C-alpha atoms as a PDB file:
ATOM      1  CA  MET A   1      -5.937  68.102 -17.657  1.00  0.00           C
ATOM      2  CA  PRO A   2      -7.684  64.906 -19.126  1.00  0.00           C
ATOM      3  CA  ARG A   3      -8.868  62.098 -17.239  1.00  0.00           C
ATOM      4  CA  ALA A   4      -6.428  59.562 -18.204  1.00  0.00           C
ATOM      5  CA  ARG A   5      -3.254  61.823 -17.536  1.00  0.00           C
ATOM      6  CA  HIS A   6      -5.147  62.725 -14.340  1.00  0.00           C
ATOM      7  CA  LEU A   7      -5.460  59.182 -13.644  1.00  0.00           C
ATOM      8  CA  SER A   8      -1.895  58.560 -14.243  1.00  0.00           C
ATOM      9  CA  VAL A   9      -0.439  60.860 -12.049  1.00  0.00           C
ATOM     10  CA  ALA A  10      -2.763  60.089  -9.136  1.00  0.00           C
ATOM     11  CA  THR A  11      -1.717  56.501  -9.604  1.00  0.00           C
ATOM     12  CA  ASP A  12       1.956  57.384  -9.665  1.00  0.00           C
ATOM     13  CA  GLN A  13       1.924  59.270  -6.362  1.00  0.00           C
ATOM     14  CA  ILE A  14      -0.119  56.436  -4.995  1.00  0.00           C
ATOM     15  CA  VAL A  15       2.460  53.976  -5.766  1.00  0.00           C
ATOM     16  CA  ARG A  16       5.473  55.977  -4.325  1.00  0.00           C
ATOM     17  CA  GLN A  17       3.699  55.610  -0.667  1.00  0.00           C
ATOM     18  CA  ILE A  18       3.372  51.930  -1.401  1.00  0.00           C
ATOM     19  CA  VAL A  19       6.188  49.766   0.381  1.00  0.00           C
ATOM     20  CA  VAL A  20       7.174  46.587   1.073  1.00  0.00           C
ATOM     21  CA  LEU A  21       7.094  45.415   4.767  1.00  0.00           C
ATOM     22  CA  ARG A  22       6.765  41.737   5.907  1.00  0.00           C
ATOM     23  CA  GLY A  23       7.090  40.604   2.179  1.00  0.00           C
ATOM     24  CA  GLN A  24       3.738  42.257   1.628  1.00  0.00           C
ATOM     25  CA  LYS A  25       3.083  45.528  -0.569  1.00  0.00           C
ATOM     26  CA  ILE A  26       1.686  48.013   2.099  1.00  0.00           C
ATOM     27  CA  ILE A  27       0.321  51.664   2.678  1.00  0.00           C
ATOM     28  CA  LEU A  28       0.869  53.216   5.782  1.00  0.00           C
ATOM     29  CA  ASP A  29      -2.283  54.909   7.674  1.00  0.00           C
ATOM     30  CA  ALA A  30      -1.388  58.168   7.535  1.00  0.00           C
ATOM     31  CA  ASP A  31      -0.574  58.076   3.943  1.00  0.00           C
ATOM     32  CA  LEU A  32      -4.185  56.351   3.387  1.00  0.00           C
ATOM     33  CA  ALA A  33      -6.173  58.720   5.488  1.00  0.00           C
ATOM     34  CA  LYS A  34      -4.531  61.453   3.450  1.00  0.00           C
ATOM     35  CA  LEU A  35      -5.391  59.888   0.171  1.00  0.00           C
ATOM     36  CA  TYR A  36      -9.036  59.103   1.614  1.00  0.00           C
ATOM     37  CA  GLY A  37      -9.369  62.878   3.064  1.00  0.00           C
ATOM     38  CA  VAL A  38      -9.490  62.109   6.848  1.00  0.00           C
ATOM     39  CA  GLU A  39      -7.459  62.740   9.624  1.00  0.00           C
ATOM     40  CA  THR A  40      -5.164  59.665  10.697  1.00  0.00           C
ATOM     41  CA  ARG A  41      -7.115  59.369  13.879  1.00  0.00           C
ATOM     42  CA  VAL A  42     -10.516  59.345  11.902  1.00  0.00           C
ATOM     43  CA  LEU A  43      -9.096  56.207   9.958  1.00  0.00           C
ATOM     44  CA  VAL A  44      -7.809  54.397  13.201  1.00  0.00           C
ATOM     45  CA  GLN A  45     -11.011  54.968  14.884  1.00  0.00           C
ATOM     46  CA  ALA A  46     -13.049  53.475  12.137  1.00  0.00           C
ATOM     47  CA  VAL A  47     -10.885  50.597  11.702  1.00  0.00           C
ATOM     48  CA  LYS A  48     -11.243  49.874  15.454  1.00  0.00           C
ATOM     49  CA  ARG A  49     -14.436  50.145  15.143  1.00  0.00           C
ATOM     50  CA  ASN A  50     -14.728  47.599  12.404  1.00  0.00           C
ATOM     51  CA  ALA A  51     -11.927  45.180  13.634  1.00  0.00           C
ATOM     52  CA  GLU A  52     -13.538  42.064  12.528  1.00  0.00           C
ATOM     53  CA  ARG A  53     -13.236  43.614   8.728  1.00  0.00           C
ATOM     54  CA  PHE A  54      -9.306  43.503   9.557  1.00  0.00           C
ATOM     55  CA  PRO A  55      -7.603  40.549   9.698  1.00  0.00           C
ATOM     56  CA  ALA A  56      -3.648  40.137   9.888  1.00  0.00           C
ATOM     57  CA  ASP A  57      -3.492  40.084   5.714  1.00  0.00           C
ATOM     58  CA  PHE A  58      -5.550  43.097   5.752  1.00  0.00           C
ATOM     59  CA  MET A  59      -3.737  45.131   8.060  1.00  0.00           C
ATOM     60  CA  PHE A  60      -1.434  45.060  10.840  1.00  0.00           C
ATOM     61  CA  ARG A  61       0.711  47.233  13.507  1.00  0.00           C
ATOM     62  CA  VAL A  62       4.296  48.237  12.420  1.00  0.00           C
ATOM     63  CA  THR A  63       7.079  46.847  15.136  1.00  0.00           C
ATOM     64  CA  ALA A  64       9.495  49.344  16.247  1.00  0.00           C
ATOM     65  CA  GLN A  65      12.125  47.690  14.309  1.00  0.00           C
ATOM     66  CA  GLU A  66      10.213  48.289  11.223  1.00  0.00           C
ATOM     67  CA  LEU A  67       9.686  51.536  11.876  1.00  0.00           C
ATOM     68  CA  ALA A  68      13.298  52.453  12.225  1.00  0.00           C
ATOM     69  CA  ALA A  69      14.010  50.709   9.043  1.00  0.00           C
ATOM     70  CA  LEU A  70      11.060  52.459   7.131  1.00  0.00           C
ATOM     71  CA  ARG A  71      12.537  56.142   8.746  1.00  0.00           C
ATOM     72  CA  SER A  72      16.072  54.891   7.428  1.00  0.00           C
ATOM     73  CA  GLN A  73      14.669  54.772   4.161  1.00  0.00           C
ATOM     74  CA  SER A  74      12.893  58.111   4.374  1.00  0.00           C
ATOM     75  CA  VAL A  75       9.505  56.808   4.359  1.00  0.00           C
ATOM     76  CA  ILE A  76       8.119  58.495   7.162  1.00  0.00           C
ATOM     77  CA  SER A  77       9.730  61.357   9.226  1.00  0.00           C
ATOM     78  CA  LYS A  78      10.882  61.437  12.854  1.00  0.00           C
ATOM     79  CA  THR A  79       9.126  63.400  14.870  1.00  0.00           C
ATOM     80  CA  GLN A  80      11.429  65.109  17.317  1.00  0.00           C
ATOM     81  CA  PRO A  81      10.383  64.836  21.103  1.00  0.00           C
ATOM     82  CA  GLY A  82       7.937  67.534  22.208  1.00  0.00           C
ATOM     83  CA  ARG A  83       6.975  68.066  18.577  1.00  0.00           C
ATOM     84  CA  GLY A  84       3.785  66.192  18.628  1.00  0.00           C
ATOM     85  CA  GLY A  85       3.563  63.122  15.986  1.00  0.00           C
ATOM     86  CA  ARG A  86       2.557  59.754  17.094  1.00  0.00           C
ATOM     87  CA  ARG A  87       2.188  57.928  20.152  1.00  0.00           C
ATOM     88  CA  TYR A  88       1.841  54.602  18.806  1.00  0.00           C
ATOM     89  CA  PRO A  89       3.382  53.070  15.712  1.00  0.00           C
ATOM     90  CA  PRO A  90       1.207  53.114  12.412  1.00  0.00           C
ATOM     91  CA  TYR A  91      -0.992  50.461  10.944  1.00  0.00           C
ATOM     92  CA  ALA A  92       0.219  49.178   7.503  1.00  0.00           C
ATOM     93  CA  PHE A  93      -2.608  48.666   5.381  1.00  0.00           C
ATOM     94  CA  THR A  94      -2.261  45.832   2.493  1.00  0.00           C
ATOM     95  CA  GLU A  95      -4.383  46.485  -1.021  1.00  0.00           C
ATOM     96  CA  HIS A  96      -7.398  44.556   0.426  1.00  0.00           C
ATOM     97  CA  GLY A  97      -7.063  46.408   3.776  1.00  0.00           C
ATOM     98  CA  ALA A  98      -6.963  49.476   1.905  1.00  0.00           C
ATOM     99  CA  LEU A  99     -10.238  48.822   0.226  1.00  0.00           C
ATOM    100  CA  MET A 100     -11.846  47.584   3.336  1.00  0.00           C
ATOM    101  CA  ALA A 101     -10.824  50.830   5.036  1.00  0.00           C
ATOM    102  CA  ALA A 102     -12.416  52.665   2.213  1.00  0.00           C
ATOM    103  CA  THR A 103     -15.944  50.773   2.552  1.00  0.00           C
ATOM    104  CA  ILE A 104     -15.984  51.371   6.467  1.00  0.00           C
ATOM    105  CA  LEU A 105     -15.143  55.098   5.970  1.00  0.00           C
ATOM    106  CA  ASN A 106     -18.065  55.357   3.079  1.00  0.00           C
ATOM    107  CA  SER A 107     -17.148  58.795   1.814  1.00  0.00           C
ATOM    108  CA  PRO A 108     -17.293  59.668  -1.778  1.00  0.00           C
ATOM    109  CA  ARG A 109     -13.689  60.873  -1.740  1.00  0.00           C
ATOM    110  CA  ALA A 110     -12.779  57.586  -0.087  1.00  0.00           C
ATOM    111  CA  VAL A 111     -14.572  55.700  -2.552  1.00  0.00           C
ATOM    112  CA  GLU A 112     -13.084  57.821  -5.446  1.00  0.00           C
ATOM    113  CA  MET A 113      -9.695  57.250  -4.134  1.00  0.00           C
ATOM    114  CA  SER A 114      -9.762  53.506  -3.483  1.00  0.00           C
ATOM    115  CA  LEU A 115     -10.040  53.176  -7.363  1.00  0.00           C
ATOM    116  CA  TYR A 116      -6.481  54.845  -7.495  1.00  0.00           C
ATOM    117  CA  VAL A 117      -5.391  52.722  -5.077  1.00  0.00           C
ATOM    118  CA  VAL A 118      -6.050  49.452  -6.293  1.00  0.00           C
ATOM    119  CA  ARG A 119      -4.442  50.939  -9.585  1.00  0.00           C
ATOM    120  CA  ALA A 120      -1.472  51.388  -8.035  1.00  0.00           C
ATOM    121  CA  PHE A 121      -1.322  48.042  -6.484  1.00  0.00           C
ATOM    122  CA  VAL A 122      -2.045  46.478  -9.905  1.00  0.00           C
ATOM    123  CA  ARG A 123       0.441  48.629 -11.666  1.00  0.00           C
ATOM    124  CA  LEU A 124       3.404  47.437  -8.922  1.00  0.00           C
ATOM    125  CA  ARG A 125       2.125  44.112  -9.712  1.00  0.00           C
ATOM    126  CA  ASP A 126       2.702  44.378 -13.203  1.00  0.00           C
ATOM    127  CA  LEU A 127       6.174  46.183 -12.898  1.00  0.00           C
ATOM    128  CA  ILE A 128       7.319  43.486 -10.510  1.00  0.00           C
ATOM    129  CA  ALA A 129       5.966  40.457 -13.146  1.00  0.00           C
ATOM    130  CA  MET A 130       7.880  42.671 -16.105  1.00  0.00           C
ATOM    131  CA  ASN A 131      11.194  42.656 -13.658  1.00  0.00           C
ATOM    132  CA  LYS A 132      10.799  39.141 -13.393  1.00  0.00           C
ATOM    133  CA  ALA A 133      10.337  38.310 -17.348  1.00  0.00           C
ATOM    134  CA  PHE A 134      13.244  40.639 -17.898  1.00  0.00           C
ATOM    135  CA  ALA A 135      15.321  38.535 -15.315  1.00  0.00           C
ATOM    136  CA  GLU A 136      14.634  35.239 -16.898  1.00  0.00           C
ATOM    137  CA  LYS A 137      15.466  36.609 -20.595  1.00  0.00           C
ATOM    138  CA  LEU A 138      18.865  37.878 -18.785  1.00  0.00           C
ATOM    139  CA  LYS A 139      19.688  34.798 -17.528  1.00  0.00           C
ATOM    140  CA  GLU A 140      18.776  33.100 -20.698  1.00  0.00           C
ATOM    141  CA  LEU A 141      20.956  35.123 -22.487  1.00  0.00           C
ATOM    142  CA  GLU A 142      23.967  34.479 -19.795  1.00  0.00           C
ATOM    143  CA  ARG A 143      23.347  30.521 -20.398  1.00  0.00           C
ATOM    144  CA  ARG A 144      23.445  31.222 -24.276  1.00  0.00           C
ATOM    145  CA  ILE A 145      26.620  33.293 -23.832  1.00  0.00           C
ATOM    146  CA  ASP A 146      28.224  30.739 -21.604  1.00  0.00           C
ATOM    147  CA  ASP A 147      27.541  28.110 -24.583  1.00  0.00           C
ATOM    148  CA  HIS A 148      28.714  30.249 -27.254  1.00  0.00           C
ATOM    149  CA  ASP A 149      32.025  30.852 -25.178  1.00  0.00           C
ATOM    150  CA  GLN A 150      32.772  27.239 -24.794  1.00  0.00           C
ATOM    151  CA  VAL A 151      32.177  26.586 -28.644  1.00  0.00           C
ATOM    152  CA  VAL A 152      34.560  29.968 -29.203  1.00  0.00           C
ATOM    153  CA  VAL A 153      37.257  28.152 -26.862  1.00  0.00           C
ATOM    154  CA  GLU A 154      37.034  25.028 -28.875  1.00  0.00           C
ATOM    155  CA  ILE A 155      37.340  26.632 -32.028  1.00  0.00           C
ATOM    156  CA  VAL A 156      40.415  28.714 -30.994  1.00  0.00           C
ATOM    157  CA  GLN A 157      41.934  25.604 -29.625  1.00  0.00           C
ATOM    158  CA  ALA A 158      41.965  23.854 -32.701  1.00  0.00           C
ATOM    159  CA  LEU A 159      42.700  26.623 -34.848  1.00  0.00           C
ATOM    160  CA  ARG A 160      46.201  26.561 -32.566  1.00  0.00           C
ATOM    161  CA  GLU A 161      46.810  23.330 -33.160  1.00  0.00           C
ATOM    162  CA  LEU A 162      46.190  23.977 -37.012  1.00  0.00           C
ATOM    163  CA  MET A 163      48.590  26.807 -36.745  1.00  0.00           C
ATOM    164  CA  ALA A 164      51.356  25.166 -34.625  1.00  0.00           C
ATOM    165  CA  PRO A 165      54.640  24.159 -36.277  1.00  0.00           C
ATOM    166  CA  PRO A 166      54.991  20.220 -36.667  1.00  0.00           C
ATOM    167  CA  PRO A 167      57.240  18.747 -34.165  1.00  0.00           C
ATOM    168  CA  ALA A 168      61.150  18.604 -35.357  1.00  0.00           C
ATOM    169  CA  GLY A 169      61.571  14.830 -35.619  1.00  0.00           C
ATOM    170  CA  SER A 170      58.555  14.217 -37.778  1.00  0.00           C
ATOM    171  CA  LYS A 171      59.594  15.508 -40.962  1.00  0.00           C
ATOM    172  CA  ARG A 172      59.836  13.477 -43.866  1.00  0.00           C
ATOM    173  CA  LYS A 173      62.833  13.192 -45.984  1.00  0.00           C
ATOM    174  CA  ILE A 174      62.429  14.242 -49.720  1.00  0.00           C
ATOM    175  CA  GLY A 175      63.948  12.098 -52.381  1.00  0.00           C
ATOM    176  CA  PHE A 176      65.489   8.474 -52.805  1.00  0.00           C
ATOM    177  CA  VAL A 177      66.607   6.821 -50.091  1.00  0.00           C
END
């Protein structure tokens, strides 16, 4: 498959893993670990060893309520008791946090995939900007239609006034009086 097509497919797959949480676009630690070709525990251990590189705007822990909301949106699966799974809520990485994670893992796969992650975040940003521009155009169109509707109403009223028969007592008599 050509390089550009491969890039598009990889970016599309990553875009599907990015969700909005706390008003930020994030990717969960398990998804990021899978992209970078490491186990989730390895990623989390590396992050904990380098905690100073991950301020709150790079990474945060998902709360129980947020986790329930993500599960209801089918973003992550619910593990059944006794079937393994996670003991702690996942970490959520912002775009900058995902890049920082690639630098601390320092594997060729992490570096390569970090480029795809950046492109996916940029693509989402472009889509959001495009949607905002489309919404503005739609608003402008609605305003124009409202203005035109008012003009059309005034024209119809004037036509009705012209078509209405004159009042009965206002007819002039023809001839000499």
